[in-house]
């Protein structure tokens, strides 16, 4: 947060955090307040709202499902290569996956049977 604040972007800074325990301590809250950083905490277990979870699911699908790597170095290389080139080779897939447009079911009526 300190490094982010030092960038002096001239705009309000809001961080979106998951519910990791180490982020919910008084030191973190106080530092954010001192630096003028506001934060939004994701609801419990909401991987669809966390973009890194979406990216990890994409990496698993592309590099792990039904694939065998004889050497660990080949496994690492496949993941690194995907991450390094996905913005070019997999642009359309990432464009639809890595966005904030999703359906929320907060006001859905359930019909009693």
C-alpha atoms as a PDB file:
ATOM      1  CA  UNK A   1       0.000   0.000   0.000  1.00  0.00           C
ATOM      2  CA  UNK A   2       2.894   2.325   0.782  1.00  0.00           C
ATOM      3  CA  UNK A   3       4.398   1.930  -2.708  1.00  0.00           C
ATOM      4  CA  UNK A   4       1.000   2.418  -4.312  1.00  0.00           C
ATOM      5  CA  UNK A   5       0.425   5.574  -2.308  1.00  0.00           C
ATOM      6  CA  UNK A   6       3.868   6.915  -3.230  1.00  0.00           C
ATOM      7  CA  UNK A   7       2.946   6.833  -6.913  1.00  0.00           C
ATOM      8  CA  UNK A   8       0.932  10.020  -6.265  1.00  0.00           C
ATOM      9  CA  UNK A   9      -1.581   9.195  -8.950  1.00  0.00           C
ATOM     10  CA  UNK A  10      -3.806  12.120  -8.059  1.00  0.00           C
ATOM     11  CA  UNK A  11      -6.899   9.930  -7.989  1.00  0.00           C
ATOM     12  CA  UNK A  12      -8.632   8.099  -5.154  1.00  0.00           C
ATOM     13  CA  UNK A  13      -7.253   4.614  -4.572  1.00  0.00           C
ATOM     14  CA  UNK A  14      -9.587   1.740  -3.787  1.00  0.00           C
ATOM     15  CA  UNK A  15      -8.258  -1.768  -3.317  1.00  0.00           C
ATOM     16  CA  UNK A  16     -10.395  -4.862  -3.721  1.00  0.00           C
ATOM     17  CA  UNK A  17      -9.228  -7.573  -1.353  1.00  0.00           C
ATOM     18  CA  UNK A  18     -10.198 -11.144  -0.825  1.00  0.00           C
ATOM     19  CA  UNK A  19     -10.910 -12.378   2.678  1.00  0.00           C
ATOM     20  CA  UNK A  20      -7.410 -13.501   3.603  1.00  0.00           C
ATOM     21  CA  UNK A  21      -6.907 -13.325   7.362  1.00  0.00           C
ATOM     22  CA  UNK A  22      -3.635 -11.429   7.177  1.00  0.00           C
ATOM     23  CA  UNK A  23      -5.459  -8.561   5.438  1.00  0.00           C
ATOM     24  CA  UNK A  24      -7.953  -8.165   8.245  1.00  0.00           C
ATOM     25  CA  UNK A  25      -5.673  -6.930  10.991  1.00  0.00           C
ATOM     26  CA  UNK A  26      -5.633  -3.539  12.684  1.00  0.00           C
ATOM     27  CA  UNK A  27      -2.242  -2.670  11.169  1.00  0.00           C
ATOM     28  CA  UNK A  28      -3.610  -3.035   7.635  1.00  0.00           C
ATOM     29  CA  UNK A  29      -6.766  -1.026   8.405  1.00  0.00           C
ATOM     30  CA  UNK A  30      -4.762   1.744  10.067  1.00  0.00           C
ATOM     31  CA  UNK A  31      -2.195   1.973   7.275  1.00  0.00           C
ATOM     32  CA  UNK A  32      -4.910   2.151   4.620  1.00  0.00           C
ATOM     33  CA  UNK A  33      -6.629   4.910   6.573  1.00  0.00           C
ATOM     34  CA  UNK A  34      -3.394   6.903   7.013  1.00  0.00           C
ATOM     35  CA  UNK A  35      -2.641   6.656   3.294  1.00  0.00           C
ATOM     36  CA  UNK A  36      -6.171   7.620   2.260  1.00  0.00           C
ATOM     37  CA  UNK A  37      -6.762   4.260   0.642  1.00  0.00           C
ATOM     38  CA  UNK A  38     -10.237   2.808   0.765  1.00  0.00           C
ATOM     39  CA  UNK A  39     -10.851  -0.873   0.350  1.00  0.00           C
ATOM     40  CA  UNK A  40     -13.626  -3.201  -0.561  1.00  0.00           C
ATOM     41  CA  UNK A  41     -13.625  -6.741   0.733  1.00  0.00           C
ATOM     42  CA  UNK A  42     -15.045  -9.481  -1.473  1.00  0.00           C
ATOM     43  CA  UNK A  43     -17.853 -11.564   0.011  1.00  0.00           C
ATOM     44  CA  UNK A  44     -16.839 -14.884   1.526  1.00  0.00           C
ATOM     45  CA  UNK A  45     -16.116 -17.557  -1.047  1.00  0.00           C
ATOM     46  CA  UNK A  46     -16.659 -15.579  -4.217  1.00  0.00           C
ATOM     47  CA  UNK A  47     -14.078 -16.815  -6.725  1.00  0.00           C
ATOM     48  CA  UNK A  48     -16.202 -15.518  -9.619  1.00  0.00           C
ATOM     49  CA  UNK A  49     -15.568 -11.979  -8.322  1.00  0.00           C
ATOM     50  CA  UNK A  50     -11.826 -12.452  -7.936  1.00  0.00           C
ATOM     51  CA  UNK A  51     -10.118 -12.002 -11.313  1.00  0.00           C
ATOM     52  CA  UNK A  52      -6.988 -13.894 -10.269  1.00  0.00           C
ATOM     53  CA  UNK A  53      -9.169 -16.933  -9.557  1.00  0.00           C
ATOM     54  CA  UNK A  54     -10.561 -16.669 -13.074  1.00  0.00           C
ATOM     55  CA  UNK A  55      -7.062 -16.446 -14.522  1.00  0.00           C
ATOM     56  CA  UNK A  56      -5.900 -19.450 -12.484  1.00  0.00           C
ATOM     57  CA  UNK A  57      -8.894 -21.475 -13.732  1.00  0.00           C
ATOM     58  CA  UNK A  58      -7.952 -20.514 -17.309  1.00  0.00           C
ATOM     59  CA  UNK A  59      -4.308 -21.539 -16.760  1.00  0.00           C
ATOM     60  CA  UNK A  60      -5.377 -24.885 -15.289  1.00  0.00           C
ATOM     61  CA  UNK A  61      -7.682 -25.528 -18.232  1.00  0.00           C
ATOM     62  CA  UNK A  62      -5.028 -24.658 -20.807  1.00  0.00           C
ATOM     63  CA  UNK A  63      -1.971 -26.224 -19.159  1.00  0.00           C
ATOM     64  CA  UNK A  64      -3.099 -28.951 -16.795  1.00  0.00           C
ATOM     65  CA  UNK A  65      -6.276 -30.707 -17.893  1.00  0.00           C
ATOM     66  CA  UNK A  66      -5.484 -33.994 -19.667  1.00  0.00           C
ATOM     67  CA  UNK A  67      -1.838 -33.072 -20.078  1.00  0.00           C
ATOM     68  CA  UNK A  68       1.252 -34.896 -18.889  1.00  0.00           C
ATOM     69  CA  UNK A  69       4.635 -33.292 -18.392  1.00  0.00           C
ATOM     70  CA  UNK A  70       7.567 -35.693 -17.992  1.00  0.00           C
ATOM     71  CA  UNK A  71       9.729 -32.986 -16.458  1.00  0.00           C
ATOM     72  CA  UNK A  72       8.854 -30.272 -13.964  1.00  0.00           C
ATOM     73  CA  UNK A  73      10.727 -27.768 -16.127  1.00  0.00           C
ATOM     74  CA  UNK A  74       8.325 -28.489 -19.026  1.00  0.00           C
ATOM     75  CA  UNK A  75       5.372 -27.943 -16.693  1.00  0.00           C
ATOM     76  CA  UNK A  76       6.781 -24.590 -15.527  1.00  0.00           C
ATOM     77  CA  UNK A  77       7.591 -23.612 -19.089  1.00  0.00           C
ATOM     78  CA  UNK A  78       4.036 -24.334 -20.287  1.00  0.00           C
ATOM     79  CA  UNK A  79       2.545 -22.124 -17.583  1.00  0.00           C
ATOM     80  CA  UNK A  80       5.091 -19.318 -18.096  1.00  0.00           C
ATOM     81  CA  UNK A  81       4.633 -19.407 -21.848  1.00  0.00           C
ATOM     82  CA  UNK A  82       0.851 -19.223 -21.539  1.00  0.00           C
ATOM     83  CA  UNK A  83       0.986 -16.295 -19.132  1.00  0.00           C
ATOM     84  CA  UNK A  84       3.570 -14.471 -21.271  1.00  0.00           C
ATOM     85  CA  UNK A  85       1.636 -14.843 -24.541  1.00  0.00           C
ATOM     86  CA  UNK A  86      -2.023 -15.163 -23.533  1.00  0.00           C
ATOM     87  CA  UNK A  87      -2.703 -11.453 -24.097  1.00  0.00           C
ATOM     88  CA  UNK A  88      -1.829 -12.076 -27.769  1.00  0.00           C
ATOM     89  CA  UNK A  89      -2.666 -15.722 -28.521  1.00  0.00           C
ATOM     90  CA  UNK A  90      -5.715 -16.064 -26.276  1.00  0.00           C
ATOM     91  CA  UNK A  91      -6.953 -12.481 -26.341  1.00  0.00           C
ATOM     92  CA  UNK A  92     -10.610 -13.182 -27.115  1.00  0.00           C
ATOM     93  CA  UNK A  93     -10.883 -15.860 -24.427  1.00  0.00           C
ATOM     94  CA  UNK A  94      -9.273 -13.589 -21.835  1.00  0.00           C
ATOM     95  CA  UNK A  95     -11.372 -10.620 -22.900  1.00  0.00           C
ATOM     96  CA  UNK A  96     -14.572 -12.465 -22.074  1.00  0.00           C
ATOM     97  CA  UNK A  97     -13.154 -14.086 -18.943  1.00  0.00           C
ATOM     98  CA  UNK A  98     -11.351 -11.146 -17.324  1.00  0.00           C
ATOM     99  CA  UNK A  99     -14.105  -8.578 -17.047  1.00  0.00           C
ATOM    100  CA  UNK A 100     -16.470  -7.375 -14.371  1.00  0.00           C
ATOM    101  CA  UNK A 101     -19.616  -8.239 -16.319  1.00  0.00           C
ATOM    102  CA  UNK A 102     -21.306 -11.118 -14.587  1.00  0.00           C
ATOM    103  CA  UNK A 103     -24.784 -11.974 -13.511  1.00  0.00           C
ATOM    104  CA  UNK A 104     -25.747 -11.506  -9.891  1.00  0.00           C
ATOM    105  CA  UNK A 105     -28.726 -13.265  -8.407  1.00  0.00           C
ATOM    106  CA  UNK A 106     -29.375 -11.015  -5.406  1.00  0.00           C
ATOM    107  CA  UNK A 107     -33.052 -10.286  -6.144  1.00  0.00           C
ATOM    108  CA  UNK A 108     -34.212 -13.603  -7.532  1.00  0.00           C
ATOM    109  CA  UNK A 109     -37.600 -14.889  -6.456  1.00  0.00           C
ATOM    110  CA  UNK A 110     -37.850 -18.574  -5.753  1.00  0.00           C
ATOM    111  CA  UNK A 111     -41.156 -20.189  -6.451  1.00  0.00           C
ATOM    112  CA  UNK A 112     -42.508 -22.500  -3.798  1.00  0.00           C
ATOM    113  CA  UNK A 113     -43.544 -25.885  -5.109  1.00  0.00           C
END
